[in-house]
Amino acid sequence: MAVSQAFSVTYDALTDVLYISNQTAPATRGVEDSQGIVWRYGSDGDLIGATVLDFVDLWAKRSGALAEQLSAHFKIPHPQALLVLEQALDHQPH
Protein backbone atom coordinates (compact mmCIF):
# COMPACT_ATOMS: atom_id res chain seq x y z
CA MET A 1 0.00 0.00 0.00
CA ALA A 2 1.39 3.40 -0.99
CA VAL A 3 1.73 6.12 1.61
CA SER A 4 0.24 9.52 0.67
CA GLN A 5 2.31 12.61 1.15
CA ALA A 6 0.70 15.44 3.08
CA PHE A 7 0.74 18.82 1.36
CA SER A 8 0.25 22.31 2.66
CA VAL A 9 -1.55 24.49 0.11
CA THR A 10 -1.79 28.28 0.37
CA TYR A 11 -3.17 30.70 -2.19
CA ASP A 12 -2.36 34.43 -2.25
CA ALA A 13 -5.22 36.09 -4.14
CA LEU A 14 -3.48 39.48 -4.31
CA THR A 15 -0.59 38.08 -6.32
CA ASP A 16 -2.41 35.06 -7.84
CA VAL A 17 0.28 32.70 -6.53
CA LEU A 18 -0.29 29.18 -5.24
CA TYR A 19 2.19 27.72 -2.76
CA ILE A 20 2.38 23.94 -2.37
CA SER A 21 4.73 22.34 0.13
CA ASN A 22 5.29 18.84 1.42
CA GLN A 23 7.86 19.85 4.05
CA THR A 24 8.23 22.72 6.50
CA ALA A 25 11.96 23.11 5.87
CA PRO A 26 12.98 26.27 4.02
CA ALA A 27 13.94 25.98 0.38
CA THR A 28 17.59 26.47 -0.46
CA ARG A 29 17.10 26.57 -4.23
CA GLY A 30 14.30 27.33 -6.66
CA VAL A 31 14.14 26.52 -10.36
CA GLU A 32 11.50 28.20 -12.54
CA ASP A 33 10.34 26.18 -15.51
CA SER A 34 8.99 27.51 -18.81
CA GLN A 35 5.40 27.32 -17.51
CA GLY A 36 5.91 29.68 -14.57
CA ILE A 37 6.21 27.04 -11.87
CA VAL A 38 9.06 27.47 -9.41
CA TRP A 39 10.14 24.08 -8.08
CA ARG A 40 11.64 24.51 -4.59
CA TYR A 41 14.34 22.20 -3.25
CA GLY A 42 15.67 21.64 0.26
CA SER A 43 19.29 21.49 1.35
CA ASP A 44 19.39 17.75 0.63
CA GLY A 45 18.31 18.33 -2.97
CA ASP A 46 14.83 16.85 -2.49
CA LEU A 47 11.80 18.64 -3.92
CA ILE A 48 9.94 20.29 -1.05
CA GLY A 49 7.48 22.56 -2.81
CA ALA A 50 6.17 24.38 -5.82
CA THR A 51 5.21 28.00 -6.34
CA VAL A 52 2.67 28.35 -9.13
CA LEU A 53 2.64 31.85 -10.61
CA ASP A 54 -0.59 33.19 -12.16
CA PHE A 55 -2.49 30.23 -10.71
CA VAL A 56 -6.05 31.29 -11.46
CA ASP A 57 -5.23 33.14 -14.67
CA LEU A 58 -3.22 30.31 -16.22
CA TRP A 59 -4.10 27.09 -14.41
CA ALA A 60 -7.59 27.13 -12.88
CA LYS A 61 -9.20 25.87 -16.09
CA ARG A 62 -6.26 23.55 -16.84
CA SER A 63 -5.98 21.87 -13.47
CA GLY A 64 -5.52 18.47 -15.11
CA ALA A 65 -2.34 19.67 -16.85
CA LEU A 66 -1.03 21.20 -13.62
CA ALA A 67 -1.86 17.99 -11.75
CA GLU A 68 0.26 16.09 -14.29
CA GLN A 69 3.19 18.39 -13.50
CA LEU A 70 2.74 17.94 -9.75
CA SER A 71 2.36 14.19 -10.13
CA ALA A 72 5.56 13.88 -12.15
CA HIS A 73 7.70 16.18 -10.00
CA PHE A 74 6.50 15.05 -6.56
CA LYS A 75 6.24 11.42 -7.72
CA ILE A 76 2.68 11.06 -6.47
CA PRO A 77 -0.35 9.51 -8.16
CA HIS A 78 -2.29 11.83 -10.48
CA PRO A 79 -5.49 11.54 -8.36
CA GLN A 80 -3.57 12.76 -5.30
CA ALA A 81 -2.22 15.72 -7.29
CA LEU A 82 -5.77 16.59 -8.35
CA LEU A 83 -6.86 16.56 -4.69
CA VAL A 84 -4.05 18.96 -3.81
CA LEU A 85 -5.28 21.37 -6.49
CA GLU A 86 -8.91 20.96 -5.46
CA GLN A 87 -7.91 22.26 -2.02
CA ALA A 88 -6.74 25.48 -3.63
CA LEU A 89 -9.62 25.79 -6.10
CA ASP A 90 -12.21 25.24 -3.35
CA HIS A 91 -11.03 28.43 -1.68
CA GLN A 92 -11.42 30.61 -4.79
CA PRO A 93 -14.22 33.14 -5.17
CA HIS A 94 -16.70 31.97 -7.81
PDB file of N, CA and C in Angstrom:
ATOM      1  N   MET A   1       0.851  -1.183   0.000  1.00  0.00           N
ATOM      2  CA  MET A   1       0.000   0.000   0.000  1.00  0.00           C
ATOM      3  C   MET A   1       0.891   1.238   0.000  1.00  0.00           C
ATOM      4  N   ALA A   2       0.614   2.174  -0.882  1.00  0.00           N
ATOM      5  CA  ALA A   2       1.391   3.401  -0.993  1.00  0.00           C
ATOM      6  C   ALA A   2       0.997   4.378   0.113  1.00  0.00           C
ATOM      7  N   VAL A   3       1.970   5.112   0.588  1.00  0.00           N
ATOM      8  CA  VAL A   3       1.730   6.124   1.613  1.00  0.00           C
ATOM      9  C   VAL A   3       1.559   7.471   0.918  1.00  0.00           C
ATOM     10  N   SER A   4       0.489   8.199   1.268  1.00  0.00           N
ATOM     11  CA  SER A   4       0.241   9.516   0.672  1.00  0.00           C
ATOM     12  C   SER A   4       1.091  10.564   1.374  1.00  0.00           C
ATOM     13  N   GLN A   5       1.608  11.477   0.592  1.00  0.00           N
ATOM     14  CA  GLN A   5       2.315  12.611   1.152  1.00  0.00           C
ATOM     15  C   GLN A   5       1.285  13.661   1.565  1.00  0.00           C
ATOM     16  N   ALA A   6       1.562  14.337   2.653  1.00  0.00           N
ATOM     17  CA  ALA A   6       0.703  15.436   3.076  1.00  0.00           C
ATOM     18  C   ALA A   6       1.245  16.723   2.472  1.00  0.00           C
ATOM     19  N   PHE A   7       0.345  17.561   1.987  1.00  0.00           N
ATOM     20  CA  PHE A   7       0.736  18.817   1.362  1.00  0.00           C
ATOM     21  C   PHE A   7       0.057  19.980   2.058  1.00  0.00           C
ATOM     22  N   SER A   8       0.790  21.054   2.190  1.00  0.00           N
ATOM     23  CA  SER A   8       0.251  22.315   2.656  1.00  0.00           C
ATOM     24  C   SER A   8       0.007  23.157   1.408  1.00  0.00           C
ATOM     25  N   VAL A   9      -1.190  23.709   1.291  1.00  0.00           N
ATOM     26  CA  VAL A   9      -1.554  24.486   0.108  1.00  0.00           C
ATOM     27  C   VAL A   9      -2.050  25.859   0.562  1.00  0.00           C
ATOM     28  N   THR A  10      -1.417  26.909   0.043  1.00  0.00           N
ATOM     29  CA  THR A  10      -1.793  28.281   0.372  1.00  0.00           C
ATOM     30  C   THR A  10      -1.907  29.073  -0.924  1.00  0.00           C
ATOM     31  N   TYR A  11      -2.979  29.859  -1.010  1.00  0.00           N
ATOM     32  CA  TYR A  11      -3.166  30.698  -2.190  1.00  0.00           C
ATOM     33  C   TYR A  11      -3.173  32.160  -1.776  1.00  0.00           C
ATOM     34  N   ASP A  12      -2.399  32.984  -2.464  1.00  0.00           N
ATOM     35  CA  ASP A  12      -2.356  34.428  -2.248  1.00  0.00           C
ATOM     36  C   ASP A  12      -3.129  35.083  -3.397  1.00  0.00           C
ATOM     37  N   ALA A  13      -4.344  35.520  -3.103  1.00  0.00           N
ATOM     38  CA  ALA A  13      -5.215  36.091  -4.138  1.00  0.00           C
ATOM     39  C   ALA A  13      -4.693  37.419  -4.678  1.00  0.00           C
ATOM     40  N   LEU A  14      -3.991  38.192  -3.853  1.00  0.00           N
ATOM     41  CA  LEU A  14      -3.482  39.485  -4.311  1.00  0.00           C
ATOM     42  C   LEU A  14      -2.448  39.329  -5.414  1.00  0.00           C
ATOM     43  N   THR A  15      -1.642  38.291  -5.332  1.00  0.00           N
ATOM     44  CA  THR A  15      -0.588  38.084  -6.324  1.00  0.00           C
ATOM     45  C   THR A  15      -0.896  36.936  -7.273  1.00  0.00           C
ATOM     46  N   ASP A  16      -2.010  36.222  -7.043  1.00  0.00           N
ATOM     47  CA  ASP A  16      -2.411  35.056  -7.845  1.00  0.00           C
ATOM     48  C   ASP A  16      -1.297  34.001  -7.871  1.00  0.00           C
ATOM     49  N   VAL A  17      -0.793  33.694  -6.671  1.00  0.00           N
ATOM     50  CA  VAL A  17       0.280  32.704  -6.532  1.00  0.00           C
ATOM     51  C   VAL A  17      -0.182  31.593  -5.598  1.00  0.00           C
ATOM     52  N   LEU A  18       0.024  30.366  -6.034  1.00  0.00           N
ATOM     53  CA  LEU A  18      -0.286  29.183  -5.236  1.00  0.00           C
ATOM     54  C   LEU A  18       1.015  28.590  -4.711  1.00  0.00           C
ATOM     55  N   TYR A  19       1.030  28.329  -3.407  1.00  0.00           N
ATOM     56  CA  TYR A  19       2.193  27.719  -2.763  1.00  0.00           C
ATOM     57  C   TYR A  19       1.818  26.314  -2.318  1.00  0.00           C
ATOM     58  N   ILE A  20       2.598  25.342  -2.746  1.00  0.00           N
ATOM     59  CA  ILE A  20       2.379  23.944  -2.374  1.00  0.00           C
ATOM     60  C   ILE A  20       3.667  23.441  -1.740  1.00  0.00           C
ATOM     61  N   SER A  21       3.546  22.855  -0.549  1.00  0.00           N
ATOM     62  CA  SER A  21       4.732  22.339   0.132  1.00  0.00           C
ATOM     63  C   SER A  21       4.425  20.975   0.726  1.00  0.00           C
ATOM     64  N   ASN A  22       5.442  20.122   0.751  1.00  0.00           N
ATOM     65  CA  ASN A  22       5.285  18.839   1.418  1.00  0.00           C
ATOM     66  C   ASN A  22       6.254  18.703   2.590  1.00  0.00           C
ATOM     67  N   GLN A  23       6.967  19.793   2.896  1.00  0.00           N
ATOM     68  CA  GLN A  23       7.856  19.853   4.048  1.00  0.00           C
ATOM     69  C   GLN A  23       7.829  21.261   4.607  1.00  0.00           C
ATOM     70  N   THR A  24       8.194  21.392   5.886  1.00  0.00           N
ATOM     71  CA  THR A  24       8.230  22.718   6.496  1.00  0.00           C
ATOM     72  C   THR A  24       9.611  23.349   6.418  1.00  0.00           C
ATOM     73  N   ALA A  25      10.602  22.591   5.982  1.00  0.00           N
ATOM     74  CA  ALA A  25      11.960  23.113   5.872  1.00  0.00           C
ATOM     75  C   ALA A  25      12.004  24.220   4.812  1.00  0.00           C
ATOM     76  N   PRO A  26      12.860  25.207   5.020  1.00  0.00           N
ATOM     77  CA  PRO A  26      12.981  26.266   4.017  1.00  0.00           C
ATOM     78  C   PRO A  26      13.677  25.762   2.756  1.00  0.00           C
ATOM     79  N   ALA A  27      13.304  26.330   1.647  1.00  0.00           N
ATOM     80  CA  ALA A  27      13.941  25.977   0.376  1.00  0.00           C
ATOM     81  C   ALA A  27      15.314  26.631   0.309  1.00  0.00           C
ATOM     82  N   THR A  28      16.251  25.915  -0.270  1.00  0.00           N
ATOM     83  CA  THR A  28      17.587  26.472  -0.464  1.00  0.00           C
ATOM     84  C   THR A  28      17.840  26.806  -1.930  1.00  0.00           C
ATOM     85  N   ARG A  29      16.933  26.325  -2.795  1.00  0.00           N
ATOM     86  CA  ARG A  29      17.096  26.568  -4.231  1.00  0.00           C
ATOM     87  C   ARG A  29      15.735  26.499  -4.894  1.00  0.00           C
ATOM     88  N   GLY A  30      15.526  27.360  -5.877  1.00  0.00           N
ATOM     89  CA  GLY A  30      14.303  27.329  -6.662  1.00  0.00           C
ATOM     90  C   GLY A  30      14.647  27.364  -8.139  1.00  0.00           C
ATOM     91  N   VAL A  31      13.909  26.582  -8.918  1.00  0.00           N
ATOM     92  CA  VAL A  31      14.142  26.521 -10.359  1.00  0.00           C
ATOM     93  C   VAL A  31      12.813  26.778 -11.055  1.00  0.00           C
ATOM     94  N   GLU A  32      12.733  27.889 -11.810  1.00  0.00           N
ATOM     95  CA  GLU A  32      11.505  28.199 -12.537  1.00  0.00           C
ATOM     96  C   GLU A  32      11.524  27.520 -13.893  1.00  0.00           C
ATOM     97  N   ASP A  33      10.426  26.828 -14.203  1.00  0.00           N
ATOM     98  CA  ASP A  33      10.342  26.181 -15.514  1.00  0.00           C
ATOM     99  C   ASP A  33       9.674  27.113 -16.515  1.00  0.00           C
ATOM    100  N   SER A  34       9.528  26.664 -17.732  1.00  0.00           N
ATOM    101  CA  SER A  34       8.992  27.507 -18.807  1.00  0.00           C
ATOM    102  C   SER A  34       7.506  27.800 -18.647  1.00  0.00           C
ATOM    103  N   GLN A  35       6.830  27.121 -17.712  1.00  0.00           N
ATOM    104  CA  GLN A  35       5.397  27.320 -17.510  1.00  0.00           C
ATOM    105  C   GLN A  35       5.093  28.207 -16.303  1.00  0.00           C
ATOM    106  N   GLY A  36       6.128  28.787 -15.703  1.00  0.00           N
ATOM    107  CA  GLY A  36       5.913  29.681 -14.574  1.00  0.00           C
ATOM    108  C   GLY A  36       5.753  28.975 -13.247  1.00  0.00           C
ATOM    109  N   ILE A  37       6.237  27.769 -13.136  1.00  0.00           N
ATOM    110  CA  ILE A  37       6.214  27.040 -11.871  1.00  0.00           C
ATOM    111  C   ILE A  37       7.635  27.047 -11.318  1.00  0.00           C
ATOM    112  N   VAL A  38       7.768  27.489 -10.071  1.00  0.00           N
ATOM    113  CA  VAL A  38       9.061  27.466  -9.409  1.00  0.00           C
ATOM    114  C   VAL A  38       9.097  26.234  -8.518  1.00  0.00           C
ATOM    115  N   TRP A  39       9.974  25.310  -8.852  1.00  0.00           N
ATOM    116  CA  TRP A  39      10.140  24.078  -8.077  1.00  0.00           C
ATOM    117  C   TRP A  39      11.171  24.370  -6.999  1.00  0.00           C
ATOM    118  N   ARG A  40      10.780  24.174  -5.722  1.00  0.00           N
ATOM    119  CA  ARG A  40      11.643  24.515  -4.593  1.00  0.00           C
ATOM    120  C   ARG A  40      12.275  23.248  -4.012  1.00  0.00           C
ATOM    121  N   TYR A  41      13.574  23.342  -3.738  1.00  0.00           N
ATOM    122  CA  TYR A  41      14.339  22.196  -3.250  1.00  0.00           C
ATOM    123  C   TYR A  41      14.963  22.518  -1.906  1.00  0.00           C
ATOM    124  N   GLY A  42      15.056  21.501  -1.053  1.00  0.00           N
ATOM    125  CA  GLY A  42      15.675  21.642   0.255  1.00  0.00           C
ATOM    126  C   GLY A  42      17.179  21.460   0.170  1.00  0.00           C
ATOM    127  N   SER A  43      17.838  21.577   1.308  1.00  0.00           N
ATOM    128  CA  SER A  43      19.293  21.493   1.352  1.00  0.00           C
ATOM    129  C   SER A  43      19.816  20.124   0.930  1.00  0.00           C
ATOM    130  N   ASP A  44      18.979  19.096   1.042  1.00  0.00           N
ATOM    131  CA  ASP A  44      19.394  17.748   0.631  1.00  0.00           C
ATOM    132  C   ASP A  44      19.133  17.480  -0.849  1.00  0.00           C
ATOM    133  N   GLY A  45      18.582  18.472  -1.544  1.00  0.00           N
ATOM    134  CA  GLY A  45      18.311  18.328  -2.968  1.00  0.00           C
ATOM    135  C   GLY A  45      16.942  17.759  -3.291  1.00  0.00           C
ATOM    136  N   ASP A  46      16.167  17.389  -2.259  1.00  0.00           N
ATOM    137  CA  ASP A  46      14.832  16.849  -2.488  1.00  0.00           C
ATOM    138  C   ASP A  46      13.831  17.969  -2.765  1.00  0.00           C
ATOM    139  N   LEU A  47      12.872  17.687  -3.631  1.00  0.00           N
ATOM    140  CA  LEU A  47      11.804  18.637  -3.925  1.00  0.00           C
ATOM    141  C   LEU A  47      10.940  18.799  -2.682  1.00  0.00           C
ATOM    142  N   ILE A  48      10.751  20.041  -2.236  1.00  0.00           N
ATOM    143  CA  ILE A  48       9.943  20.286  -1.047  1.00  0.00           C
ATOM    144  C   ILE A  48       8.720  21.152  -1.336  1.00  0.00           C
ATOM    145  N   GLY A  49       8.637  21.728  -2.531  1.00  0.00           N
ATOM    146  CA  GLY A  49       7.483  22.563  -2.815  1.00  0.00           C
ATOM    147  C   GLY A  49       7.464  23.101  -4.226  1.00  0.00           C
ATOM    148  N   ALA A  50       6.348  23.743  -4.525  1.00  0.00           N
ATOM    149  CA  ALA A  50       6.172  24.382  -5.823  1.00  0.00           C
ATOM    150  C   ALA A  50       5.455  25.704  -5.607  1.00  0.00           C
ATOM    151  N   THR A  51       5.871  26.703  -6.337  1.00  0.00           N
ATOM    152  CA  THR A  51       5.207  28.000  -6.345  1.00  0.00           C
ATOM    153  C   THR A  51       4.651  28.179  -7.749  1.00  0.00           C
ATOM    154  N   VAL A  52       3.328  28.270  -7.831  1.00  0.00           N
ATOM    155  CA  VAL A  52       2.667  28.355  -9.133  1.00  0.00           C
ATOM    156  C   VAL A  52       2.238  29.799  -9.369  1.00  0.00           C
ATOM    157  N   LEU A  53       2.939  30.458 -10.279  1.00  0.00           N
ATOM    158  CA  LEU A  53       2.642  31.846 -10.609  1.00  0.00           C
ATOM    159  C   LEU A  53       1.404  31.921 -11.505  1.00  0.00           C
ATOM    160  N   ASP A  54       0.627  32.992 -11.354  1.00  0.00           N
ATOM    161  CA  ASP A  54      -0.590  33.190 -12.164  1.00  0.00           C
ATOM    162  C   ASP A  54      -1.513  31.975 -12.088  1.00  0.00           C
ATOM    163  N   PHE A  55      -1.729  31.473 -10.893  1.00  0.00           N
ATOM    164  CA  PHE A  55      -2.485  30.233 -10.711  1.00  0.00           C
ATOM    165  C   PHE A  55      -3.881  30.271 -11.326  1.00  0.00           C
ATOM    166  N   VAL A  56      -4.684  31.240 -10.933  1.00  0.00           N
ATOM    167  CA  VAL A  56      -6.053  31.286 -11.458  1.00  0.00           C
ATOM    168  C   VAL A  56      -6.043  31.664 -12.933  1.00  0.00           C
ATOM    169  N   ASP A  57      -5.257  32.675 -13.280  1.00  0.00           N
ATOM    170  CA  ASP A  57      -5.234  33.142 -14.669  1.00  0.00           C
ATOM    171  C   ASP A  57      -4.784  32.055 -15.647  1.00  0.00           C
ATOM    172  N   LEU A  58      -3.778  31.285 -15.282  1.00  0.00           N
ATOM    173  CA  LEU A  58      -3.224  30.308 -16.223  1.00  0.00           C
ATOM    174  C   LEU A  58      -3.648  28.862 -15.977  1.00  0.00           C
ATOM    175  N   TRP A  59      -3.950  28.510 -14.725  1.00  0.00           N
ATOM    176  CA  TRP A  59      -4.101  27.090 -14.414  1.00  0.00           C
ATOM    177  C   TRP A  59      -5.478  26.657 -13.938  1.00  0.00           C
ATOM    178  N   ALA A  60      -6.317  27.544 -13.464  1.00  0.00           N
ATOM    179  CA  ALA A  60      -7.593  27.125 -12.877  1.00  0.00           C
ATOM    180  C   ALA A  60      -8.434  26.287 -13.835  1.00  0.00           C
ATOM    181  N   LYS A  61      -8.410  26.629 -15.117  1.00  0.00           N
ATOM    182  CA  LYS A  61      -9.195  25.869 -16.091  1.00  0.00           C
ATOM    183  C   LYS A  61      -8.391  24.741 -16.721  1.00  0.00           C
ATOM    184  N   ARG A  62      -7.123  24.634 -16.331  1.00  0.00           N
ATOM    185  CA  ARG A  62      -6.259  23.553 -16.842  1.00  0.00           C
ATOM    186  C   ARG A  62      -5.661  22.772 -15.677  1.00  0.00           C
ATOM    187  N   SER A  63      -6.486  22.525 -14.667  1.00  0.00           N
ATOM    188  CA  SER A  63      -5.978  21.873 -13.465  1.00  0.00           C
ATOM    189  C   SER A  63      -5.450  20.471 -13.751  1.00  0.00           C
ATOM    190  N   GLY A  64      -6.009  19.810 -14.755  1.00  0.00           N
ATOM    191  CA  GLY A  64      -5.515  18.472 -15.109  1.00  0.00           C
ATOM    192  C   GLY A  64      -4.068  18.517 -15.568  1.00  0.00           C
ATOM    193  N   ALA A  65      -3.715  19.522 -16.366  1.00  0.00           N
ATOM    194  CA  ALA A  65      -2.337  19.673 -16.846  1.00  0.00           C
ATOM    195  C   ALA A  65      -1.398  20.013 -15.696  1.00  0.00           C
ATOM    196  N   LEU A  66      -1.855  20.863 -14.777  1.00  0.00           N
ATOM    197  CA  LEU A  66      -1.029  21.198 -13.624  1.00  0.00           C
ATOM    198  C   LEU A  66      -0.874  19.981 -12.718  1.00  0.00           C
ATOM    199  N   ALA A  67      -1.934  19.213 -12.563  1.00  0.00           N
ATOM    200  CA  ALA A  67      -1.855  17.991 -11.747  1.00  0.00           C
ATOM    201  C   ALA A  67      -0.834  17.019 -12.336  1.00  0.00           C
ATOM    202  N   GLU A  68      -0.748  16.950 -13.656  1.00  0.00           N
ATOM    203  CA  GLU A  68       0.260  16.093 -14.288  1.00  0.00           C
ATOM    204  C   GLU A  68       1.664  16.538 -13.904  1.00  0.00           C
ATOM    205  N   GLN A  69       1.893  17.849 -13.891  1.00  0.00           N
ATOM    206  CA  GLN A  69       3.194  18.391 -13.505  1.00  0.00           C
ATOM    207  C   GLN A  69       3.514  18.037 -12.048  1.00  0.00           C
ATOM    208  N   LEU A  70       2.537  18.251 -11.168  1.00  0.00           N
ATOM    209  CA  LEU A  70       2.742  17.944  -9.751  1.00  0.00           C
ATOM    210  C   LEU A  70       2.991  16.456  -9.545  1.00  0.00           C
ATOM    211  N   SER A  71       2.218  15.635 -10.233  1.00  0.00           N
ATOM    212  CA  SER A  71       2.363  14.187 -10.127  1.00  0.00           C
ATOM    213  C   SER A  71       3.769  13.744 -10.529  1.00  0.00           C
ATOM    214  N   ALA A  72       4.242  14.264 -11.644  1.00  0.00           N
ATOM    215  CA  ALA A  72       5.563  13.875 -12.146  1.00  0.00           C
ATOM    216  C   ALA A  72       6.686  14.370 -11.238  1.00  0.00           C
ATOM    217  N   HIS A  73       6.608  15.617 -10.792  1.00  0.00           N
ATOM    218  CA  HIS A  73       7.699  16.181  -9.997  1.00  0.00           C
ATOM    219  C   HIS A  73       7.727  15.643  -8.566  1.00  0.00           C
ATOM    220  N   PHE A  74       6.557  15.538  -7.940  1.00  0.00           N
ATOM    221  CA  PHE A  74       6.500  15.048  -6.563  1.00  0.00           C
ATOM    222  C   PHE A  74       6.450  13.520  -6.479  1.00  0.00           C
ATOM    223  N   LYS A  75       6.320  12.884  -7.654  1.00  0.00           N
ATOM    224  CA  LYS A  75       6.237  11.417  -7.722  1.00  0.00           C
ATOM    225  C   LYS A  75       5.071  10.887  -6.870  1.00  0.00           C
ATOM    226  N   ILE A  76       3.906  11.481  -7.133  1.00  0.00           N
ATOM    227  CA  ILE A  76       2.676  11.065  -6.468  1.00  0.00           C
ATOM    228  C   ILE A  76       1.669  10.669  -7.534  1.00  0.00           C
ATOM    229  N   PRO A  77       0.676   9.872  -7.179  1.00  0.00           N
ATOM    230  CA  PRO A  77      -0.351   9.509  -8.161  1.00  0.00           C
ATOM    231  C   PRO A  77      -1.136  10.739  -8.637  1.00  0.00           C
ATOM    232  N   HIS A  78      -1.525  10.720  -9.892  1.00  0.00           N
ATOM    233  CA  HIS A  78      -2.286  11.829 -10.478  1.00  0.00           C
ATOM    234  C   HIS A  78      -3.524  12.180  -9.650  1.00  0.00           C
ATOM    235  N   PRO A  79      -4.305  11.189  -9.169  1.00  0.00           N
ATOM    236  CA  PRO A  79      -5.488  11.542  -8.362  1.00  0.00           C
ATOM    237  C   PRO A  79      -5.123  12.326  -7.096  1.00  0.00           C
ATOM    238  N   GLN A  80      -3.995  12.006  -6.484  1.00  0.00           N
ATOM    239  CA  GLN A  80      -3.574  12.761  -5.304  1.00  0.00           C
ATOM    240  C   GLN A  80      -3.217  14.194  -5.690  1.00  0.00           C
ATOM    241  N   ALA A  81      -2.555  14.376  -6.823  1.00  0.00           N
ATOM    242  CA  ALA A  81      -2.216  15.716  -7.292  1.00  0.00           C
ATOM    243  C   ALA A  81      -3.480  16.531  -7.558  1.00  0.00           C
ATOM    244  N   LEU A  82      -4.494  15.901  -8.117  1.00  0.00           N
ATOM    245  CA  LEU A  82      -5.771  16.593  -8.347  1.00  0.00           C
ATOM    246  C   LEU A  82      -6.396  17.032  -7.028  1.00  0.00           C
ATOM    247  N   LEU A  83      -6.308  16.197  -6.000  1.00  0.00           N
ATOM    248  CA  LEU A  83      -6.856  16.558  -4.689  1.00  0.00           C
ATOM    249  C   LEU A  83      -6.131  17.757  -4.094  1.00  0.00           C
ATOM    250  N   VAL A  84      -4.824  17.817  -4.286  1.00  0.00           N
ATOM    251  CA  VAL A  84      -4.048  18.959  -3.809  1.00  0.00           C
ATOM    252  C   VAL A  84      -4.559  20.235  -4.472  1.00  0.00           C
ATOM    253  N   LEU A  85      -4.784  20.198  -5.767  1.00  0.00           N
ATOM    254  CA  LEU A  85      -5.279  21.374  -6.488  1.00  0.00           C
ATOM    255  C   LEU A  85      -6.709  21.725  -6.109  1.00  0.00           C
ATOM    256  N   GLU A  86      -7.527  20.708  -5.864  1.00  0.00           N
ATOM    257  CA  GLU A  86      -8.909  20.965  -5.463  1.00  0.00           C
ATOM    258  C   GLU A  86      -8.956  21.744  -4.162  1.00  0.00           C
ATOM    259  N   GLN A  87      -7.999  21.489  -3.257  1.00  0.00           N
ATOM    260  CA  GLN A  87      -7.914  22.260  -2.018  1.00  0.00           C
ATOM    261  C   GLN A  87      -7.802  23.744  -2.337  1.00  0.00           C
ATOM    262  N   ALA A  88      -6.957  24.078  -3.273  1.00  0.00           N
ATOM    263  CA  ALA A  88      -6.744  25.478  -3.629  1.00  0.00           C
ATOM    264  C   ALA A  88      -7.954  26.047  -4.363  1.00  0.00           C
ATOM    265  N   LEU A  89      -8.496  25.303  -5.300  1.00  0.00           N
ATOM    266  CA  LEU A  89      -9.620  25.790  -6.101  1.00  0.00           C
ATOM    267  C   LEU A  89     -10.891  25.953  -5.257  1.00  0.00           C
ATOM    268  N   ASP A  90     -11.031  25.130  -4.223  1.00  0.00           N
ATOM    269  CA  ASP A  90     -12.208  25.239  -3.353  1.00  0.00           C
ATOM    270  C   ASP A  90     -12.254  26.555  -2.593  1.00  0.00           C
ATOM    271  N   HIS A  91     -11.107  27.196  -2.432  1.00  0.00           N
ATOM    272  CA  HIS A  91     -11.035  28.434  -1.681  1.00  0.00           C
ATOM    273  C   HIS A  91     -11.065  29.670  -2.576  1.00  0.00           C
ATOM    274  N   GLN A  92     -11.363  29.488  -3.848  1.00  0.00           N
ATOM    275  CA  GLN A  92     -11.416  30.611  -4.786  1.00  0.00           C
ATOM    276  C   GLN A  92     -12.814  31.205  -4.816  1.00  0.00           C
ATOM    277  N   PRO A  93     -12.905  32.523  -4.977  1.00  0.00           N
ATOM    278  CA  PRO A  93     -14.224  33.136  -5.170  1.00  0.00           C
ATOM    279  C   PRO A  93     -14.789  32.707  -6.523  1.00  0.00           C
ATOM    280  N   HIS A  94     -16.064  32.431  -6.566  1.00  0.00           N
ATOM    281  CA  HIS A  94     -16.698  31.970  -7.808  1.00  0.00           C
ATOM    282  C   HIS A  94     -17.535  33.058  -8.426  1.00  0.00           C
TER     283      HIS A  94
END
